[in-house]
Amino acid sequence: MIDYDKLNEHVLEMAKNADGGVKLSAFMIDQLLGGTQKISEKSLHEGIEFAIAKQKRDVESMPYASKEQKDAEKNKREFILKLCEEQMKALLKSQNRLL
């Protein structure tokens, strides 16, 4: 069953971090095109928080998953994104591209 209160909570979290999400998206596109753009640590973190909220919203929208399945999937996706954030920070710091 879909919990619309949680769904709205995740959408609100996405809206709160939308600026970071846009900056991270632009940064990633620049990376794909071979650019050397820099990004602030705050924008990187907000972008990851945006992605986490989006993933949680997507999982919460699954109509046939149980609450336990949804919680496990949300935790797994959040963990993976947090790991990606730490790896990105380490790489960008080593390249002097994290503000």
N, C-alpha and C. Protein backbone atom coordinates (compact mmCIF):
# COMPACT_ATOMS: atom_id res chain seq x y z
N MET A 1 0.84 -1.19 0.00
CA MET A 1 0.00 0.00 0.00
C MET A 1 0.88 1.25 0.00
N ILE A 2 0.46 2.23 -0.73
CA ILE A 2 1.23 3.47 -0.86
C ILE A 2 0.89 4.41 0.30
N ASP A 3 1.93 4.89 0.98
CA ASP A 3 1.77 5.84 2.07
C ASP A 3 1.98 7.24 1.49
N TYR A 4 0.90 7.94 1.25
CA TYR A 4 0.98 9.24 0.58
C TYR A 4 1.63 10.30 1.45
N ASP A 5 1.57 10.17 2.77
CA ASP A 5 2.26 11.12 3.64
C ASP A 5 3.78 11.00 3.46
N LYS A 6 4.28 9.77 3.40
CA LYS A 6 5.71 9.58 3.17
C LYS A 6 6.10 10.03 1.77
N LEU A 7 5.24 9.77 0.82
CA LEU A 7 5.48 10.20 -0.55
C LEU A 7 5.63 11.72 -0.62
N ASN A 8 4.73 12.43 0.03
CA ASN A 8 4.80 13.90 0.08
C ASN A 8 6.04 14.38 0.81
N GLU A 9 6.44 13.66 1.85
CA GLU A 9 7.64 14.00 2.60
C GLU A 9 8.88 13.92 1.70
N HIS A 10 8.95 12.88 0.87
CA HIS A 10 10.09 12.72 -0.03
C HIS A 10 10.08 13.78 -1.13
N VAL A 11 8.91 14.14 -1.62
CA VAL A 11 8.81 15.19 -2.64
C VAL A 11 9.26 16.53 -2.04
N LEU A 12 8.90 16.79 -0.80
CA LEU A 12 9.32 18.01 -0.12
C LEU A 12 10.84 18.04 0.04
N GLU A 13 11.43 16.91 0.39
CA GLU A 13 12.89 16.80 0.52
C GLU A 13 13.56 17.05 -0.83
N MET A 14 12.96 16.55 -1.90
CA MET A 14 13.49 16.79 -3.25
C MET A 14 13.45 18.28 -3.58
N ALA A 15 12.35 18.92 -3.23
CA ALA A 15 12.21 20.36 -3.52
C ALA A 15 13.24 21.16 -2.72
N LYS A 16 13.48 20.74 -1.49
CA LYS A 16 14.44 21.44 -0.63
C LYS A 16 15.86 21.36 -1.20
N ASN A 17 16.20 20.26 -1.86
CA ASN A 17 17.54 20.05 -2.39
C ASN A 17 17.61 20.17 -3.91
N ALA A 18 16.61 20.81 -4.51
CA ALA A 18 16.55 20.90 -5.97
C ALA A 18 17.74 21.65 -6.56
N ASP A 19 18.18 22.71 -5.90
CA ASP A 19 19.31 23.48 -6.41
C ASP A 19 20.57 22.62 -6.48
N GLY A 20 20.83 21.86 -5.43
CA GLY A 20 21.98 20.95 -5.44
C GLY A 20 21.83 19.87 -6.49
N GLY A 21 20.60 19.40 -6.70
CA GLY A 21 20.35 18.40 -7.72
C GLY A 21 20.66 18.90 -9.11
N VAL A 22 20.29 20.14 -9.38
CA VAL A 22 20.55 20.75 -10.69
C VAL A 22 22.06 20.95 -10.87
N LYS A 23 22.73 21.46 -9.83
CA LYS A 23 24.18 21.70 -9.93
C LYS A 23 24.94 20.39 -10.11
N LEU A 24 24.53 19.34 -9.38
CA LEU A 24 25.19 18.05 -9.53
C LEU A 24 24.95 17.48 -10.92
N SER A 25 23.73 17.63 -11.45
CA SER A 25 23.43 17.15 -12.80
C SER A 25 24.28 17.87 -13.84
N ALA A 26 24.40 19.19 -13.71
CA ALA A 26 25.22 19.96 -14.65
C ALA A 26 26.68 19.55 -14.54
N PHE A 27 27.13 19.31 -13.32
CA PHE A 27 28.51 18.87 -13.11
C PHE A 27 28.77 17.52 -13.76
N MET A 28 27.82 16.60 -13.60
CA MET A 28 27.98 15.26 -14.17
C MET A 28 27.97 15.31 -15.70
N ILE A 29 27.14 16.13 -16.28
CA ILE A 29 27.12 16.27 -17.74
C ILE A 29 28.45 16.83 -18.22
N ASP A 30 28.97 17.82 -17.49
CA ASP A 30 30.27 18.38 -17.83
C ASP A 30 31.36 17.29 -17.77
N GLN A 31 31.26 16.41 -16.79
CA GLN A 31 32.23 15.32 -16.66
C GLN A 31 32.16 14.38 -17.86
N LEU A 32 30.94 14.07 -18.28
CA LEU A 32 30.77 13.18 -19.43
C LEU A 32 31.34 13.78 -20.71
N LEU A 33 31.32 15.11 -20.78
CA LEU A 33 31.83 15.79 -21.96
C LEU A 33 33.32 16.12 -21.83
N GLY A 34 33.95 15.66 -20.76
CA GLY A 34 35.39 15.85 -20.58
C GLY A 34 35.77 17.17 -19.97
N GLY A 35 34.85 17.85 -19.34
CA GLY A 35 35.13 19.16 -18.74
C GLY A 35 35.89 19.05 -17.43
N THR A 36 36.27 20.20 -16.93
CA THR A 36 37.02 20.26 -15.67
C THR A 36 36.34 21.20 -14.69
N GLN A 37 35.06 21.25 -14.73
CA GLN A 37 34.28 22.11 -13.85
C GLN A 37 34.49 21.70 -12.39
N LYS A 38 34.36 22.68 -11.47
CA LYS A 38 34.46 22.40 -10.04
C LYS A 38 33.07 22.45 -9.43
N ILE A 39 32.93 21.82 -8.26
CA ILE A 39 31.64 21.83 -7.56
C ILE A 39 31.93 21.98 -6.07
N SER A 40 31.04 22.66 -5.37
CA SER A 40 31.23 22.83 -3.93
C SER A 40 30.78 21.55 -3.21
N GLU A 41 31.35 21.35 -2.05
CA GLU A 41 31.00 20.18 -1.26
C GLU A 41 29.52 20.24 -0.87
N LYS A 42 29.03 21.44 -0.59
CA LYS A 42 27.62 21.61 -0.22
C LYS A 42 26.70 21.21 -1.38
N SER A 43 27.03 21.65 -2.60
CA SER A 43 26.21 21.31 -3.77
C SER A 43 26.25 19.81 -4.04
N LEU A 44 27.42 19.22 -3.87
CA LEU A 44 27.54 17.77 -4.04
C LEU A 44 26.64 17.04 -3.04
N HIS A 45 26.71 17.47 -1.78
CA HIS A 45 25.90 16.82 -0.75
C HIS A 45 24.40 17.01 -1.01
N GLU A 46 24.00 18.23 -1.37
CA GLU A 46 22.58 18.48 -1.66
C GLU A 46 22.11 17.68 -2.87
N GLY A 47 22.98 17.53 -3.86
CA GLY A 47 22.62 16.74 -5.03
C GLY A 47 22.40 15.28 -4.68
N ILE A 48 23.24 14.75 -3.81
CA ILE A 48 23.08 13.37 -3.36
C ILE A 48 21.82 13.23 -2.52
N GLU A 49 21.56 14.21 -1.66
CA GLU A 49 20.33 14.18 -0.85
C GLU A 49 19.09 14.22 -1.75
N PHE A 50 19.16 15.00 -2.84
CA PHE A 50 18.07 15.03 -3.82
C PHE A 50 17.86 13.64 -4.42
N ALA A 51 18.97 13.00 -4.82
CA ALA A 51 18.89 11.67 -5.43
C ALA A 51 18.34 10.64 -4.43
N ILE A 52 18.73 10.74 -3.17
CA ILE A 52 18.23 9.83 -2.15
C ILE A 52 16.72 10.01 -1.98
N ALA A 53 16.28 11.26 -1.90
CA ALA A 53 14.84 11.53 -1.74
C ALA A 53 14.06 11.01 -2.95
N LYS A 54 14.62 11.17 -4.14
CA LYS A 54 13.95 10.68 -5.35
C LYS A 54 13.85 9.16 -5.32
N GLN A 55 14.92 8.49 -4.92
CA GLN A 55 14.89 7.03 -4.84
C GLN A 55 13.85 6.58 -3.80
N LYS A 56 13.81 7.25 -2.67
CA LYS A 56 12.84 6.90 -1.63
C LYS A 56 11.41 7.10 -2.14
N ARG A 57 11.20 8.19 -2.88
CA ARG A 57 9.88 8.44 -3.45
C ARG A 57 9.50 7.34 -4.44
N ASP A 58 10.45 6.94 -5.27
CA ASP A 58 10.19 5.88 -6.24
C ASP A 58 9.84 4.56 -5.55
N VAL A 59 10.58 4.23 -4.50
CA VAL A 59 10.31 2.98 -3.78
C VAL A 59 8.96 3.07 -3.07
N GLU A 60 8.68 4.22 -2.48
CA GLU A 60 7.41 4.38 -1.77
C GLU A 60 6.22 4.27 -2.71
N SER A 61 6.43 4.53 -4.00
CA SER A 61 5.36 4.45 -4.99
C SER A 61 5.05 3.02 -5.43
N MET A 62 5.84 2.06 -5.00
CA MET A 62 5.60 0.66 -5.37
C MET A 62 4.35 0.15 -4.64
N PRO A 63 3.29 -0.14 -5.40
CA PRO A 63 2.01 -0.47 -4.75
C PRO A 63 1.95 -1.85 -4.10
N TYR A 64 2.75 -2.81 -4.55
CA TYR A 64 2.60 -4.18 -4.07
C TYR A 64 3.70 -4.62 -3.12
N ALA A 65 4.62 -3.75 -2.79
CA ALA A 65 5.70 -4.11 -1.87
C ALA A 65 5.23 -3.89 -0.43
N SER A 66 5.69 -4.75 0.45
CA SER A 66 5.34 -4.58 1.86
C SER A 66 6.18 -3.46 2.46
N LYS A 67 5.80 -3.02 3.66
CA LYS A 67 6.55 -1.95 4.33
C LYS A 67 7.99 -2.39 4.57
N GLU A 68 8.19 -3.63 4.96
CA GLU A 68 9.54 -4.15 5.23
C GLU A 68 10.38 -4.17 3.95
N GLN A 69 9.77 -4.58 2.84
CA GLN A 69 10.49 -4.59 1.56
C GLN A 69 10.87 -3.18 1.14
N LYS A 70 9.93 -2.25 1.32
CA LYS A 70 10.21 -0.86 0.96
C LYS A 70 11.33 -0.29 1.82
N ASP A 71 11.27 -0.54 3.12
CA ASP A 71 12.31 -0.03 4.02
C ASP A 71 13.68 -0.60 3.66
N ALA A 72 13.74 -1.89 3.38
CA ALA A 72 15.01 -2.52 3.02
C ALA A 72 15.56 -1.94 1.72
N GLU A 73 14.69 -1.75 0.74
CA GLU A 73 15.12 -1.20 -0.54
C GLU A 73 15.58 0.25 -0.40
N LYS A 74 14.85 1.04 0.38
CA LYS A 74 15.24 2.43 0.59
C LYS A 74 16.59 2.51 1.29
N ASN A 75 16.81 1.67 2.30
CA ASN A 75 18.09 1.66 3.02
C ASN A 75 19.24 1.26 2.10
N LYS A 76 19.00 0.27 1.26
CA LYS A 76 20.04 -0.19 0.33
C LYS A 76 20.42 0.92 -0.65
N ARG A 77 19.42 1.57 -1.22
CA ARG A 77 19.70 2.62 -2.20
C ARG A 77 20.38 3.83 -1.55
N GLU A 78 19.95 4.17 -0.34
CA GLU A 78 20.58 5.29 0.38
C GLU A 78 22.04 4.98 0.68
N PHE A 79 22.32 3.76 1.10
CA PHE A 79 23.69 3.34 1.41
C PHE A 79 24.58 3.45 0.17
N ILE A 80 24.08 2.99 -0.96
CA ILE A 80 24.86 3.04 -2.21
C ILE A 80 25.15 4.49 -2.60
N LEU A 81 24.15 5.36 -2.49
CA LEU A 81 24.36 6.76 -2.86
C LEU A 81 25.32 7.46 -1.90
N LYS A 82 25.26 7.13 -0.62
CA LYS A 82 26.20 7.71 0.36
C LYS A 82 27.62 7.25 0.05
N LEU A 83 27.79 5.99 -0.33
CA LEU A 83 29.11 5.50 -0.73
C LEU A 83 29.62 6.25 -1.96
N CYS A 84 28.74 6.46 -2.92
CA CYS A 84 29.12 7.21 -4.13
C CYS A 84 29.55 8.63 -3.76
N GLU A 85 28.84 9.24 -2.84
CA GLU A 85 29.18 10.60 -2.42
C GLU A 85 30.59 10.64 -1.82
N GLU A 86 30.91 9.70 -0.96
CA GLU A 86 32.23 9.67 -0.35
C GLU A 86 33.32 9.43 -1.39
N GLN A 87 33.07 8.54 -2.34
CA GLN A 87 34.04 8.29 -3.39
C GLN A 87 34.23 9.52 -4.28
N MET A 88 33.14 10.20 -4.60
CA MET A 88 33.23 11.40 -5.42
C MET A 88 34.02 12.48 -4.69
N LYS A 89 33.77 12.66 -3.39
CA LYS A 89 34.50 13.65 -2.61
C LYS A 89 36.00 13.34 -2.62
N ALA A 90 36.34 12.10 -2.40
CA ALA A 90 37.76 11.72 -2.36
C ALA A 90 38.42 11.98 -3.72
N LEU A 91 37.77 11.59 -4.80
CA LEU A 91 38.33 11.79 -6.13
C LEU A 91 38.48 13.27 -6.46
N LEU A 92 37.43 14.05 -6.19
CA LEU A 92 37.47 15.47 -6.53
C LEU A 92 38.48 16.23 -5.66
N LYS A 93 38.62 15.83 -4.40
CA LYS A 93 39.63 16.47 -3.55
C LYS A 93 41.02 16.18 -4.08
N SER A 94 41.26 14.97 -4.53
CA SER A 94 42.58 14.62 -5.05
C SER A 94 42.89 15.36 -6.35
N GLN A 95 41.86 15.77 -7.08
CA GLN A 95 42.04 16.51 -8.33
C GLN A 95 41.93 18.03 -8.12
N ASN A 96 41.76 18.44 -6.86
CA ASN A 96 41.61 19.86 -6.52
C ASN A 96 40.40 20.49 -7.19
N ARG A 97 39.31 19.74 -7.26
CA ARG A 97 38.11 20.22 -7.96
C ARG A 97 36.90 20.29 -7.05
N LEU A 98 37.11 20.14 -5.75
CA LEU A 98 36.03 20.25 -4.78
C LEU A 98 36.21 21.56 -4.03
N LEU A 99 35.23 22.43 -4.12
CA LEU A 99 35.32 23.74 -3.47
C LEU A 99 34.90 23.69 -2.03
